[in-house]
Amino acid sequence: MTDSVTLRQLTGLPDAPSSLSDSVLIMIDCQNTYTQGVMELEGVDPALDAAAELLDRARTAGTSIIHFMHDAGAGSPYDINADIGHIVERVAPRGDEAVLVKNYPNSFVGTDLDERLRALGHTNLLIAGFMTHMCINSTTRGAFSLGYSPTVIASTTATRSLPGAGGVAASALQAASLAAIADLFGVVVPDVSAIPD
């Protein structure tokens, strides 16, 4: 049996992460939704701490930052007009940082994200937020398909256990989701320290 290799390796795609100075930071759905109740994620607090560290470094470096909020309407855990749907305070937008509202897992669908990124002139993206198996995965794949070079910072992401067909533990889903991204769609690094200035 041969050693396992990724499709990135087979096709000659780079395996180095993007730098803060040459990227746009995309903060996806860092909402109270995921810190409480039915949608609380396994490992959400350490992930938010790591996201706050990344955000602080990006601000210091002058990196362009775009925040996303997922909206599923009144009464849902994604109600952006209620506290449950607000962005967690420690990673909340500041100043003129853009905040976009989305309705689909892929942050490019139904938003002007692509146009904003083209205007900024960057193709390198740093991606943080929730949930790893859903919006992080979908947005990273969408970015790749549009010609961007995404880097996902694993420590800034988290997910939840899934029911059905025997169920999937959050830890297994987290590992599989990150491995699927790293196979082709983006560079995955373990933590914030792996991102160069």
Protein backbone atom coordinates (compact mmCIF):
# COMPACT_ATOMS: atom_id res chain seq x y z
CA MET A 1 0.00 0.00 0.00
CA THR A 2 1.35 3.43 -0.92
CA ASP A 3 1.61 6.39 1.44
CA SER A 4 -1.43 8.63 1.48
CA VAL A 5 -1.13 11.93 -0.37
CA THR A 6 -3.53 14.78 -0.85
CA LEU A 7 -4.97 15.99 -4.12
CA ARG A 8 -3.21 19.29 -3.39
CA GLN A 9 0.11 17.48 -3.42
CA LEU A 10 -0.74 15.51 -6.55
CA THR A 11 -1.74 18.66 -8.44
CA GLY A 12 1.10 20.84 -7.18
CA LEU A 13 -0.99 23.30 -5.19
CA PRO A 14 0.86 25.18 -2.43
CA ASP A 15 0.74 23.93 1.14
CA ALA A 16 1.95 27.11 2.83
CA PRO A 17 -0.63 29.26 4.63
CA SER A 18 -1.49 32.75 3.49
CA SER A 19 -0.01 35.66 5.44
CA LEU A 20 -1.88 38.40 7.27
CA SER A 21 -0.30 41.05 5.07
CA ASP A 22 -1.51 39.47 1.83
CA SER A 23 -4.97 38.18 2.78
CA VAL A 24 -8.49 39.07 3.74
CA LEU A 25 -9.75 37.60 7.02
CA ILE A 26 -13.23 36.08 6.77
CA MET A 27 -14.91 35.60 10.17
CA ILE A 28 -17.87 33.28 9.60
CA ASP A 29 -20.89 33.09 11.92
CA CYS A 30 -19.15 33.72 15.24
CA GLN A 31 -22.61 34.15 16.72
CA ASN A 32 -24.11 33.51 20.16
CA THR A 33 -26.09 30.80 18.33
CA TYR A 34 -23.20 28.42 18.84
CA THR A 35 -22.45 29.18 22.49
CA GLN A 36 -25.72 28.03 24.06
CA GLY A 37 -28.77 25.84 23.71
CA VAL A 38 -29.47 23.34 20.96
CA MET A 39 -26.68 24.58 18.65
CA GLU A 40 -23.86 24.83 21.22
CA LEU A 41 -20.68 23.48 19.66
CA GLU A 42 -18.09 21.22 21.20
CA GLY A 43 -14.99 23.32 21.91
CA VAL A 44 -16.65 26.63 21.05
CA ASP A 45 -15.00 28.66 23.83
CA PRO A 46 -11.39 27.78 22.94
CA ALA A 47 -12.26 28.33 19.27
CA LEU A 48 -13.60 31.81 20.06
CA ASP A 49 -10.46 32.58 22.08
CA ALA A 50 -8.32 31.56 19.10
CA ALA A 51 -10.54 33.58 16.74
CA ALA A 52 -10.14 36.63 19.01
CA GLU A 53 -6.36 36.18 18.90
CA LEU A 54 -6.42 35.94 15.11
CA LEU A 55 -8.67 38.99 14.86
CA ASP A 56 -6.33 41.01 17.10
CA ARG A 57 -3.32 40.06 14.98
CA ALA A 58 -5.20 40.92 11.78
CA ARG A 59 -6.19 44.34 13.14
CA THR A 60 -2.61 45.06 14.18
CA ALA A 61 -1.38 44.03 10.71
CA GLY A 62 -3.98 46.17 8.92
CA THR A 63 -5.57 43.13 7.30
CA SER A 64 -8.97 43.67 5.70
CA ILE A 65 -11.66 41.89 7.74
CA ILE A 66 -15.14 40.74 6.73
CA HIS A 67 -17.56 39.36 9.32
CA PHE A 68 -20.52 37.15 8.45
CA MET A 69 -23.78 36.55 10.28
CA HIS A 70 -26.14 33.76 9.26
CA ASP A 71 -29.81 34.77 9.29
CA ALA A 72 -32.64 32.24 9.36
CA GLY A 73 -35.36 34.59 10.56
CA ALA A 74 -37.33 35.39 13.68
CA GLY A 75 -37.56 32.69 16.33
CA SER A 76 -34.64 30.67 14.95
CA PRO A 77 -31.23 30.25 16.62
CA TYR A 78 -29.99 32.41 13.73
CA ASP A 79 -32.24 35.41 14.36
CA ILE A 80 -29.83 38.30 13.86
CA ASN A 81 -32.33 40.72 15.38
CA ALA A 82 -32.20 38.86 18.71
CA ASP A 83 -29.29 38.35 21.11
CA ILE A 84 -29.01 34.68 20.08
CA GLY A 85 -28.00 35.72 16.56
CA HIS A 86 -25.58 38.51 17.46
CA ILE A 87 -21.83 38.14 16.99
CA VAL A 88 -20.06 37.12 20.22
CA GLU A 89 -18.73 40.24 21.95
CA ARG A 90 -15.05 39.22 22.06
CA VAL A 91 -14.96 38.83 18.27
CA ALA A 92 -17.45 41.58 17.40
CA PRO A 93 -16.72 43.94 14.48
CA ARG A 94 -15.03 47.26 15.14
CA GLY A 95 -14.87 50.50 13.21
CA ASP A 96 -15.40 50.08 9.49
CA GLU A 97 -15.03 46.28 9.40
CA ALA A 98 -17.63 44.93 7.00
CA VAL A 99 -20.52 42.82 8.28
CA LEU A 100 -22.40 40.76 5.70
CA VAL A 101 -25.57 38.75 6.24
CA LYS A 102 -25.94 35.41 4.51
CA ASN A 103 -28.70 32.83 4.17
CA TYR A 104 -26.71 29.88 2.80
CA PRO A 105 -23.73 27.86 4.08
CA ASN A 106 -21.52 29.14 1.25
CA SER A 107 -20.76 32.78 2.10
CA PHE A 108 -20.46 33.63 -1.61
CA VAL A 109 -24.08 32.67 -2.37
CA GLY A 110 -26.54 35.55 -2.28
CA THR A 111 -23.93 38.07 -1.04
CA ASP A 112 -21.50 40.48 -2.66
CA LEU A 113 -18.47 38.79 -1.08
CA ASP A 114 -16.84 38.02 -4.43
CA GLU A 115 -17.20 41.63 -5.60
CA ARG A 116 -15.80 42.96 -2.32
CA LEU A 117 -12.79 40.66 -2.50
CA ARG A 118 -12.11 41.57 -6.13
CA ALA A 119 -12.25 45.26 -5.16
CA LEU A 120 -9.76 44.66 -2.35
CA GLY A 121 -7.43 42.93 -4.82
CA HIS A 122 -6.66 39.90 -2.67
CA THR A 123 -7.08 36.26 -3.64
CA ASN A 124 -5.68 34.86 -0.37
CA LEU A 125 -8.28 34.27 2.32
CA LEU A 126 -7.93 33.40 5.99
CA ILE A 127 -11.06 31.63 7.21
CA ALA A 128 -12.26 31.26 10.81
CA GLY A 129 -15.59 30.51 12.47
CA PHE A 130 -18.42 28.02 12.55
CA MET A 131 -19.50 25.30 11.85
CA THR A 132 -16.54 23.43 10.44
CA HIS A 133 -18.56 20.79 8.59
CA MET A 134 -21.09 23.30 7.24
CA CYS A 135 -20.28 26.98 6.55
CA ILE A 136 -16.49 26.73 6.88
CA ASN A 137 -16.42 23.75 4.53
CA SER A 138 -18.93 25.26 2.07
CA THR A 139 -17.29 28.69 1.97
CA THR A 140 -13.80 27.24 1.54
CA ARG A 141 -14.96 25.05 -1.34
CA GLY A 142 -16.79 28.02 -2.87
CA ALA A 143 -13.69 30.18 -2.57
CA PHE A 144 -11.54 27.54 -4.22
CA SER A 145 -14.01 27.17 -7.09
CA LEU A 146 -13.86 30.92 -7.71
CA GLY A 147 -10.07 30.98 -7.89
CA TYR A 148 -9.26 32.07 -4.34
CA SER A 149 -6.58 30.53 -2.12
CA PRO A 150 -8.16 29.84 1.28
CA THR A 151 -6.39 28.98 4.51
CA VAL A 152 -8.47 27.58 7.37
CA ILE A 153 -7.17 27.98 10.93
CA ALA A 154 -8.34 24.79 12.65
CA SER A 155 -8.19 26.11 16.23
CA THR A 156 -10.66 28.87 15.34
CA THR A 157 -13.31 26.39 14.18
CA ALA A 158 -15.67 23.98 15.91
CA THR A 159 -18.64 21.78 15.17
CA ARG A 160 -21.24 19.57 16.84
CA SER A 161 -22.17 15.91 16.94
CA LEU A 162 -24.66 14.82 14.28
CA PRO A 163 -27.56 12.41 14.76
CA GLY A 164 -28.76 9.71 12.40
CA ALA A 165 -27.24 6.53 10.94
CA GLY A 166 -25.47 5.76 14.19
CA GLY A 167 -24.43 9.37 14.73
CA VAL A 168 -21.11 11.13 14.24
CA ALA A 169 -19.19 12.51 17.21
CA ALA A 170 -18.16 16.16 16.99
CA SER A 171 -14.47 15.28 17.28
CA ALA A 172 -14.69 12.84 14.36
CA LEU A 173 -16.69 15.28 12.26
CA GLN A 174 -14.23 18.09 13.01
CA ALA A 175 -11.26 15.95 11.96
CA ALA A 176 -12.98 14.67 8.82
CA SER A 177 -14.17 18.14 7.77
CA LEU A 178 -10.70 19.65 8.11
CA ALA A 179 -9.14 16.67 6.29
CA ALA A 180 -11.62 17.07 3.42
CA ILE A 181 -10.72 20.74 3.07
CA ALA A 182 -6.99 20.02 3.23
CA ASP A 183 -7.27 17.31 0.57
CA LEU A 184 -7.84 19.93 -2.14
CA PHE A 185 -9.80 23.05 -1.33
CA GLY A 186 -7.51 24.92 1.06
CA VAL A 187 -4.52 24.92 3.33
CA VAL A 188 -5.40 23.91 6.90
CA VAL A 189 -3.13 24.99 9.74
CA PRO A 190 -3.49 23.89 13.37
CA ASP A 191 -3.54 27.28 15.08
CA VAL A 192 -3.03 31.02 14.84
CA SER A 193 0.72 30.78 15.40
CA ALA A 194 1.07 29.08 11.99
CA ILE A 195 -0.13 32.22 10.17
CA PRO A 196 2.77 34.48 9.18
CA ASP A 197 2.52 38.25 9.46
